[in-house]
N, C-alpha and C. Protein backbone atom coordinates (compact mmCIF):
# COMPACT_ATOMS: atom_id res chain seq x y z
N MET A 1 0.82 -1.16 0.04
CA MET A 1 0.08 0.01 0.09
C MET A 1 0.79 1.13 -0.08
N SER A 2 0.56 2.21 -0.86
CA SER A 2 1.19 3.38 -0.67
C SER A 2 0.35 4.69 -0.96
N ILE A 3 0.71 5.76 -0.52
CA ILE A 3 -0.09 7.12 -0.62
C ILE A 3 0.86 7.95 -1.56
N LYS A 4 0.10 8.29 -2.66
CA LYS A 4 0.75 9.11 -3.60
C LYS A 4 0.40 10.58 -3.33
N THR A 5 1.33 11.48 -3.42
CA THR A 5 1.02 12.93 -3.35
C THR A 5 1.69 13.40 -4.57
N SER A 6 1.52 14.74 -4.80
CA SER A 6 2.08 15.25 -5.95
C SER A 6 3.68 15.28 -6.09
N GLU A 7 4.38 15.18 -4.88
CA GLU A 7 5.66 15.31 -4.64
C GLU A 7 6.52 14.11 -4.44
N LYS A 8 5.85 13.05 -3.57
CA LYS A 8 6.42 12.00 -3.07
C LYS A 8 5.50 10.79 -2.98
N LYS A 9 5.93 9.66 -3.20
CA LYS A 9 5.18 8.47 -2.83
C LYS A 9 5.72 7.86 -1.43
N PHE A 10 4.58 7.76 -0.56
CA PHE A 10 4.92 7.14 0.80
C PHE A 10 4.63 5.76 0.72
N THR A 11 5.44 5.05 1.56
CA THR A 11 5.12 3.66 1.52
C THR A 11 4.50 3.38 2.93
N GLU A 12 3.91 2.09 3.20
CA GLU A 12 3.19 1.86 4.40
C GLU A 12 4.22 2.00 5.52
N ALA A 13 5.41 1.51 5.46
CA ALA A 13 6.60 1.82 6.33
C ALA A 13 6.60 3.20 6.77
N ASP A 14 6.63 4.11 5.71
CA ASP A 14 6.65 5.49 5.89
C ASP A 14 5.71 6.18 6.95
N VAL A 15 4.42 5.56 6.62
CA VAL A 15 3.21 6.11 7.38
C VAL A 15 3.46 5.38 8.82
N ILE A 16 3.76 4.22 9.08
CA ILE A 16 3.94 3.67 10.37
C ILE A 16 5.06 4.29 11.02
N ALA A 17 6.08 4.80 10.47
CA ALA A 17 7.17 5.53 11.13
C ALA A 17 6.80 6.84 11.53
N PHE A 18 5.95 7.45 10.68
CA PHE A 18 5.29 8.85 11.08
C PHE A 18 4.57 8.68 12.18
N ALA A 19 3.60 7.73 12.15
CA ALA A 19 2.61 7.45 13.39
C ALA A 19 3.36 7.27 14.73
N LYS A 20 4.42 6.54 14.54
CA LYS A 20 5.13 6.26 15.87
C LYS A 20 5.92 7.60 16.41
N PHE A 21 6.37 8.35 15.42
CA PHE A 21 7.15 9.50 15.89
C PHE A 21 6.02 10.57 16.23
N PHE A 22 4.83 10.60 15.79
CA PHE A 22 3.81 11.45 16.22
C PHE A 22 3.38 11.05 17.65
N TYR A 23 3.23 9.76 17.85
CA TYR A 23 2.82 9.38 19.23
C TYR A 23 3.87 9.64 20.24
N LYS A 24 5.10 9.45 19.86
CA LYS A 24 6.38 9.93 20.85
C LYS A 24 6.36 11.46 21.15
N GLY A 25 5.82 12.34 20.02
CA GLY A 25 5.77 13.57 20.24
C GLY A 25 4.54 14.04 21.08
N MET A 26 3.49 13.38 21.05
CA MET A 26 2.29 13.61 22.05
C MET A 26 2.71 13.20 23.46
N ARG A 27 3.25 12.20 23.65
CA ARG A 27 3.77 11.62 24.97
C ARG A 27 4.67 12.70 25.56
N ARG A 28 5.62 13.29 24.74
CA ARG A 28 6.63 14.25 25.20
C ARG A 28 6.11 15.57 25.50
N PHE A 29 5.25 16.18 24.66
CA PHE A 29 4.78 17.57 24.71
C PHE A 29 3.27 17.64 25.27
N GLY A 30 2.51 16.58 25.21
CA GLY A 30 1.12 16.61 25.71
C GLY A 30 0.28 16.80 24.48
N LEU A 31 -0.91 16.25 24.53
CA LEU A 31 -1.81 16.31 23.50
C LEU A 31 -2.22 17.73 23.16
N GLU A 32 -2.57 18.69 24.19
CA GLU A 32 -2.86 19.96 24.04
C GLU A 32 -2.02 20.84 23.14
N LYS A 33 -0.67 20.75 23.55
CA LYS A 33 0.24 21.36 22.64
C LYS A 33 0.36 20.84 21.21
N VAL A 34 0.39 19.43 21.07
CA VAL A 34 0.36 19.10 19.63
C VAL A 34 -0.95 19.52 19.05
N GLN A 35 -2.09 19.53 19.52
CA GLN A 35 -3.21 19.81 18.85
C GLN A 35 -3.13 21.19 18.38
N ARG A 36 -2.77 22.21 19.19
CA ARG A 36 -2.52 23.56 18.82
C ARG A 36 -1.59 23.63 17.71
N LYS A 37 -0.59 23.13 17.84
CA LYS A 37 0.44 23.28 16.74
C LYS A 37 -0.07 22.61 15.32
N MET A 38 -0.84 21.58 15.44
CA MET A 38 -1.59 20.91 14.19
C MET A 38 -2.48 21.75 13.59
N ALA A 39 -3.36 22.45 14.51
CA ALA A 39 -4.19 23.56 14.04
C ALA A 39 -3.66 24.55 13.32
N GLU A 40 -2.51 25.07 14.00
CA GLU A 40 -1.72 26.22 13.39
C GLU A 40 -1.25 25.91 12.10
N LEU A 41 -0.76 24.70 11.90
CA LEU A 41 -0.21 24.31 10.51
C LEU A 41 -1.33 24.04 9.55
N TYR A 42 -2.57 23.60 10.01
CA TYR A 42 -3.53 23.35 9.15
C TYR A 42 -4.09 24.61 8.61
N ILE A 43 -4.27 25.58 9.44
CA ILE A 43 -4.89 26.91 9.11
C ILE A 43 -3.91 27.63 8.07
N SER A 44 -2.77 27.44 8.46
CA SER A 44 -1.65 28.19 7.54
C SER A 44 -1.35 27.52 6.30
N ASP A 45 -1.99 26.36 6.08
CA ASP A 45 -1.78 25.48 4.91
C ASP A 45 -2.79 25.82 3.77
N HIS A 46 -3.71 26.82 4.15
CA HIS A 46 -4.79 27.12 3.26
C HIS A 46 -4.25 28.09 2.08
N GLY A 47 -2.99 28.38 2.07
CA GLY A 47 -2.37 29.11 1.05
C GLY A 47 -1.24 30.20 1.62
N VAL A 48 -0.39 30.57 0.80
CA VAL A 48 0.66 31.40 1.31
C VAL A 48 -0.05 32.71 1.68
N ARG A 49 -0.88 33.26 1.05
CA ARG A 49 -1.52 34.56 1.37
C ARG A 49 -2.20 34.47 2.74
N GLU A 50 -2.90 33.27 2.76
CA GLU A 50 -3.80 33.18 4.01
C GLU A 50 -2.84 32.96 5.23
N GLY A 51 -1.78 32.24 4.97
CA GLY A 51 -0.86 32.23 6.01
C GLY A 51 -0.07 33.48 6.42
N ALA A 52 0.25 34.26 5.52
CA ALA A 52 0.75 35.56 5.71
C ALA A 52 -0.20 36.54 6.24
N LEU A 53 -1.44 36.29 5.98
CA LEU A 53 -2.45 37.10 6.67
C LEU A 53 -2.59 36.89 8.07
N LYS A 54 -2.65 35.46 8.42
CA LYS A 54 -2.79 35.08 9.69
C LYS A 54 -1.53 35.60 10.59
N GLU A 55 -0.31 35.59 10.00
CA GLU A 55 0.86 36.05 10.75
C GLU A 55 0.61 37.59 10.88
N LYS A 56 0.17 38.35 9.82
CA LYS A 56 -0.10 39.61 10.04
C LYS A 56 -1.08 40.01 11.19
N ILE A 57 -2.04 39.27 11.27
CA ILE A 57 -3.15 39.63 12.42
C ILE A 57 -2.37 39.30 13.71
N PHE A 58 -1.63 38.18 13.84
CA PHE A 58 -1.04 37.94 15.10
C PHE A 58 0.19 38.89 15.41
N SER A 59 0.82 39.36 14.50
CA SER A 59 2.10 40.24 14.77
C SER A 59 1.43 41.73 15.04
N GLU A 60 0.33 42.13 14.34
CA GLU A 60 -0.27 43.51 14.88
C GLU A 60 -1.02 43.48 16.15
N ILE A 61 -1.57 42.26 16.63
CA ILE A 61 -2.18 42.35 17.91
C ILE A 61 -0.96 42.15 18.93
N SER A 62 0.07 41.42 18.62
CA SER A 62 1.24 41.30 19.46
C SER A 62 1.88 42.71 19.64
N ALA A 63 1.97 43.42 18.60
CA ALA A 63 2.68 44.70 18.69
C ALA A 63 1.76 45.76 19.54
N HIS A 64 0.44 45.63 19.25
CA HIS A 64 -0.39 46.47 20.08
C HIS A 64 -0.46 46.24 21.35
N TYR A 65 -0.47 44.93 21.93
CA TYR A 65 -0.60 44.65 23.43
C TYR A 65 0.84 44.40 23.95
N GLY A 66 1.85 44.43 23.24
CA GLY A 66 3.20 44.22 23.77
C GLY A 66 3.31 42.71 24.18
N MET A 67 3.06 41.83 23.61
CA MET A 67 3.14 40.38 23.81
C MET A 67 3.61 39.63 22.76
N SER A 68 4.20 38.34 22.84
CA SER A 68 4.47 37.59 21.85
C SER A 68 3.26 36.92 21.03
N PRO A 69 3.31 36.60 19.73
CA PRO A 69 2.37 35.99 19.08
C PRO A 69 1.85 34.58 19.70
N GLU A 70 2.77 33.99 20.42
CA GLU A 70 2.35 32.64 21.15
C GLU A 70 1.61 32.94 22.31
N ALA A 71 1.72 34.00 22.91
CA ALA A 71 1.09 34.39 24.04
C ALA A 71 -0.53 34.46 23.72
N ILE A 72 -0.87 34.79 22.52
CA ILE A 72 -2.20 34.83 22.10
C ILE A 72 -2.97 33.50 22.13
N ILE A 73 -2.33 32.44 21.82
CA ILE A 73 -2.87 31.25 21.83
C ILE A 73 -2.60 30.27 22.98
N THR A 74 -2.00 30.88 24.05
CA THR A 74 -1.90 30.09 25.40
C THR A 74 -3.20 29.95 26.14
N SER A 75 -3.16 29.28 27.27
CA SER A 75 -4.39 29.02 27.88
C SER A 75 -4.72 30.17 28.92
N VAL A 76 -3.93 31.18 28.89
CA VAL A 76 -4.03 32.32 29.84
C VAL A 76 -5.38 32.92 29.61
N LYS A 77 -6.23 33.15 30.62
CA LYS A 77 -7.56 33.86 30.37
C LYS A 77 -7.69 35.10 31.12
N ARG A 78 -6.84 35.94 31.12
CA ARG A 78 -6.96 37.24 31.90
C ARG A 78 -6.45 38.32 31.23
N GLY A 79 -7.10 39.59 31.55
CA GLY A 79 -6.56 40.76 31.04
C GLY A 79 -6.34 40.93 29.52
N ASN A 80 -5.27 41.67 29.22
CA ASN A 80 -4.98 41.70 27.77
C ASN A 80 -4.87 40.63 26.88
N VAL A 81 -4.35 39.50 27.39
CA VAL A 81 -4.31 38.20 26.70
C VAL A 81 -5.69 37.81 26.22
N THR A 82 -6.76 38.00 26.88
CA THR A 82 -8.21 37.64 26.65
C THR A 82 -8.60 38.74 25.55
N GLN A 83 -8.36 39.91 25.62
CA GLN A 83 -8.73 40.91 24.63
C GLN A 83 -8.03 40.52 23.39
N ALA A 84 -6.73 40.28 23.41
CA ALA A 84 -6.05 39.89 22.16
C ALA A 84 -6.61 38.82 21.57
N LYS A 85 -6.88 37.73 22.34
CA LYS A 85 -7.48 36.46 21.80
C LYS A 85 -8.70 36.86 21.20
N VAL A 86 -9.60 37.57 21.67
CA VAL A 86 -10.85 37.85 21.13
C VAL A 86 -10.77 38.57 19.82
N ILE A 87 -9.85 39.54 19.87
CA ILE A 87 -9.45 40.27 18.56
C ILE A 87 -9.05 39.33 17.53
N ALA A 88 -8.16 38.47 17.89
CA ALA A 88 -7.59 37.60 17.02
C ALA A 88 -8.78 36.70 16.33
N MET A 89 -9.60 36.23 17.25
CA MET A 89 -10.72 35.37 16.75
C MET A 89 -11.52 36.04 15.83
N LEU A 90 -11.86 37.27 16.13
CA LEU A 90 -12.79 37.99 15.23
C LEU A 90 -12.08 38.34 13.94
N LEU A 91 -10.96 38.73 14.00
CA LEU A 91 -10.16 39.06 12.60
C LEU A 91 -9.94 37.87 11.74
N ILE A 92 -9.55 36.76 12.43
CA ILE A 92 -9.43 35.47 11.66
C ILE A 92 -10.61 35.13 11.07
N HIS A 93 -11.61 35.34 11.76
CA HIS A 93 -13.15 34.92 11.10
C HIS A 93 -13.45 35.74 10.07
N ARG A 94 -13.22 37.06 10.35
CA ARG A 94 -13.70 38.10 9.26
C ARG A 94 -12.76 38.08 8.07
N HIS A 95 -11.54 37.79 8.02
CA HIS A 95 -10.55 37.91 7.02
C HIS A 95 -10.06 36.52 6.33
N LEU A 96 -10.13 35.64 7.23
CA LEU A 96 -9.66 34.25 6.64
C LEU A 96 -10.86 33.41 6.17
N HIS A 97 -12.06 33.69 6.68
CA HIS A 97 -13.27 32.87 6.43
C HIS A 97 -13.12 31.44 6.53
N ILE A 98 -12.42 31.23 7.79
CA ILE A 98 -12.33 29.67 8.26
C ILE A 98 -13.51 29.45 9.14
N SER A 99 -13.73 28.23 9.42
CA SER A 99 -14.95 27.81 10.28
C SER A 99 -14.63 28.16 11.64
N GLN A 100 -15.56 28.31 12.47
CA GLN A 100 -15.41 28.62 13.85
C GLN A 100 -14.86 27.40 14.73
N SER A 101 -15.16 26.24 14.15
CA SER A 101 -14.39 25.01 14.74
C SER A 101 -13.00 25.07 14.52
N GLU A 102 -12.47 25.49 13.31
CA GLU A 102 -11.15 25.56 13.14
C GLU A 102 -10.43 26.73 13.85
N ILE A 103 -11.11 27.72 14.25
CA ILE A 103 -10.56 28.93 14.94
C ILE A 103 -10.51 28.33 16.44
N ALA A 104 -11.49 27.70 16.79
CA ALA A 104 -11.56 27.17 18.11
C ALA A 104 -10.37 26.18 18.33
N LEU A 105 -9.96 25.35 17.29
CA LEU A 105 -9.00 24.49 17.36
C LEU A 105 -7.68 25.15 17.55
N LEU A 106 -7.44 26.28 16.83
CA LEU A 106 -6.16 26.99 16.92
C LEU A 106 -5.99 27.62 18.28
N PHE A 107 -7.00 28.04 19.02
CA PHE A 107 -6.94 28.69 20.26
C PHE A 107 -7.15 27.76 21.49
N GLY A 108 -7.41 26.34 21.06
CA GLY A 108 -7.44 25.42 22.09
C GLY A 108 -8.84 25.70 22.87
N ARG A 109 -9.79 26.08 22.32
CA ARG A 109 -11.21 26.57 22.96
C ARG A 109 -12.20 25.72 22.33
N GLY A 110 -13.32 25.83 22.82
CA GLY A 110 -14.49 25.01 22.19
C GLY A 110 -15.15 26.09 21.05
N PRO A 111 -15.64 25.36 20.18
CA PRO A 111 -16.31 26.16 18.92
C PRO A 111 -17.52 27.01 19.55
N SER A 112 -18.24 26.62 20.72
CA SER A 112 -19.31 27.43 21.13
C SER A 112 -18.78 28.69 21.75
N LEU A 113 -17.66 28.70 22.28
CA LEU A 113 -17.04 30.02 22.89
C LEU A 113 -16.81 30.89 21.71
N VAL A 114 -16.10 30.46 20.69
CA VAL A 114 -15.87 31.20 19.55
C VAL A 114 -17.05 31.85 18.83
N SER A 115 -18.13 30.80 18.73
CA SER A 115 -19.33 31.23 18.06
C SER A 115 -20.01 32.34 18.97
N ARG A 116 -19.91 32.30 20.19
CA ARG A 116 -20.58 33.30 21.13
C ARG A 116 -19.88 34.66 21.08
N ARG A 117 -18.62 34.56 21.18
CA ARG A 117 -17.73 35.87 21.02
C ARG A 117 -18.11 36.49 19.72
N ILE A 118 -18.05 35.96 18.43
CA ILE A 118 -18.44 36.50 17.32
C ILE A 118 -19.79 37.03 17.32
N LYS A 119 -20.69 36.30 17.68
CA LYS A 119 -22.25 36.79 17.67
C LYS A 119 -22.28 37.71 18.51
N LEU A 120 -21.80 37.84 19.71
CA LEU A 120 -22.10 38.85 20.87
C LEU A 120 -21.29 40.22 20.32
N PHE A 121 -20.28 40.12 19.70
CA PHE A 121 -19.43 41.26 19.14
C PHE A 121 -20.13 41.90 17.94
N ASN A 122 -20.74 41.01 17.04
CA ASN A 122 -21.50 41.48 15.88
C ASN A 122 -22.74 42.18 16.20
N ASN A 123 -23.44 41.60 17.39
CA ASN A 123 -24.68 42.17 17.64
C ASN A 123 -24.44 43.37 18.71
N GLY A 124 -23.17 43.57 19.17
CA GLY A 124 -23.06 44.76 19.94
C GLY A 124 -23.76 44.60 21.36
N THR A 125 -23.93 43.18 21.86
CA THR A 125 -24.43 42.95 23.20
C THR A 125 -23.63 42.64 24.31
N GLU A 126 -22.43 42.51 23.95
CA GLU A 126 -21.42 42.04 25.00
C GLU A 126 -20.72 43.27 25.61
N LYS A 127 -20.43 43.23 26.86
CA LYS A 127 -19.64 44.26 27.54
C LYS A 127 -18.53 44.68 26.65
N ILE A 128 -17.79 43.60 26.27
CA ILE A 128 -16.44 44.02 25.52
C ILE A 128 -16.61 44.64 24.32
N SER A 129 -17.85 44.54 23.59
CA SER A 129 -18.04 45.32 22.49
C SER A 129 -18.43 46.81 22.62
N SER A 130 -18.80 47.13 23.76
CA SER A 130 -18.93 48.45 24.19
C SER A 130 -17.92 49.14 24.99
N ASN A 131 -16.72 48.37 25.20
CA ASN A 131 -15.46 48.75 25.78
C ASN A 131 -14.62 49.70 24.85
N LYS A 132 -14.56 51.05 25.08
CA LYS A 132 -13.87 51.81 24.14
C LYS A 132 -12.43 51.47 23.69
N ASP A 133 -11.79 50.91 24.83
CA ASP A 133 -10.38 50.54 24.51
C ASP A 133 -10.33 49.25 23.65
N PHE A 134 -11.35 48.53 23.84
CA PHE A 134 -11.26 47.17 23.08
C PHE A 134 -11.65 47.74 21.48
N ILE A 135 -12.66 48.37 21.40
CA ILE A 135 -13.11 48.83 20.15
C ILE A 135 -12.08 49.59 19.41
N SER A 136 -11.33 50.42 20.14
CA SER A 136 -10.26 51.27 19.51
C SER A 136 -9.18 50.32 18.96
N ALA A 137 -8.77 49.25 19.87
CA ALA A 137 -7.75 48.39 19.46
C ALA A 137 -8.22 47.70 18.36
N TYR A 138 -9.29 47.16 18.30
CA TYR A 138 -10.03 46.30 17.28
C TYR A 138 -9.78 47.12 15.88
N GLU A 139 -10.24 48.36 15.85
CA GLU A 139 -10.30 49.10 14.72
C GLU A 139 -8.84 49.49 14.31
N LYS A 140 -7.87 49.75 15.04
CA LYS A 140 -6.64 50.13 14.74
C LYS A 140 -5.95 48.99 14.01
N ILE A 141 -6.19 47.80 14.71
CA ILE A 141 -5.48 46.51 14.11
C ILE A 141 -6.16 45.95 12.83
N ASN A 142 -7.48 46.25 12.80
CA ASN A 142 -8.23 45.85 11.66
C ASN A 142 -7.89 46.84 10.42
N LEU A 143 -7.58 47.98 10.64
CA LEU A 143 -7.08 48.96 9.66
C LEU A 143 -5.86 48.57 9.03
N LYS A 144 -4.84 48.08 9.94
CA LYS A 144 -3.55 47.75 9.37
C LYS A 144 -3.62 46.35 8.56
N VAL A 145 -4.58 45.40 9.16
CA VAL A 145 -4.90 44.34 8.36
C VAL A 145 -5.35 44.72 6.98
N ASN A 146 -6.47 45.46 6.93
CA ASN A 146 -7.05 45.84 5.68
C ASN A 146 -5.93 46.49 4.69
N GLU A 147 -5.10 47.33 5.33
CA GLU A 147 -4.01 47.75 4.50
C GLU A 147 -3.18 46.73 3.88
N PHE A 148 -2.88 45.80 4.55
CA PHE A 148 -1.90 44.54 4.21
C PHE A 148 -2.64 43.95 3.13
N ILE A 149 -4.08 43.69 3.21
CA ILE A 149 -4.77 43.01 2.08
C ILE A 149 -4.87 43.90 0.82
N GLU A 150 -4.98 45.16 0.93
CA GLU A 150 -5.01 46.07 -0.08
C GLU A 150 -3.67 46.11 -0.85
N SER A 151 -2.54 45.93 -0.05
CA SER A 151 -1.28 45.87 -0.82
C SER A 151 -1.16 44.56 -1.75
N TRP A 152 -1.93 43.49 -1.33
CA TRP A 152 -2.00 42.39 -2.26
C TRP A 152 -2.54 42.79 -3.53
N LYS A 153 -3.81 43.39 -3.36
CA LYS A 153 -4.63 43.76 -4.56
C LYS A 153 -3.77 44.49 -5.58
N GLN A 154 -2.96 45.56 -4.98
CA GLN A 154 -2.29 46.43 -5.96
C GLN A 154 -1.17 45.44 -6.50
N GLU A 155 -0.72 44.51 -6.08
CA GLU A 155 0.27 43.66 -6.77
C GLU A 155 -0.33 42.99 -7.91
N LYS A 156 -1.52 42.70 -8.05
CA LYS A 156 -2.01 41.97 -9.11
C LYS A 156 -2.05 42.79 -10.45
């Protein structure tokens, strides 16, 4: 049995070796960390521009809040990290058009939380959507992301 891709033909032994290596990685780093990394790879694999856009979203949020991009996808649930996560969820949903389940996987959260955050923000009924600092940060970061997208359009 073999799996054929456009670049390489994998044998059954290759697949078994990969599965063993993957299992060792899960035992070493933990399931949650492996799932987050896989989600990151999956989402960025939708295309070069989509990957670059995701990186731009994370870098702009990181710069605005003075934290590393990795801090945005950690399990911390307090203060600026929470605001940064919500902004990232909203912008990724808005600009990358990926499912809420995929966004949840990226952040290690449940799809219902992502869905609730998006709905409450869009409806303007959540406290955070009326928070002037949050709205200001969201608009500034979204403006920079939109400028990044416009630069792609001008390249064509």
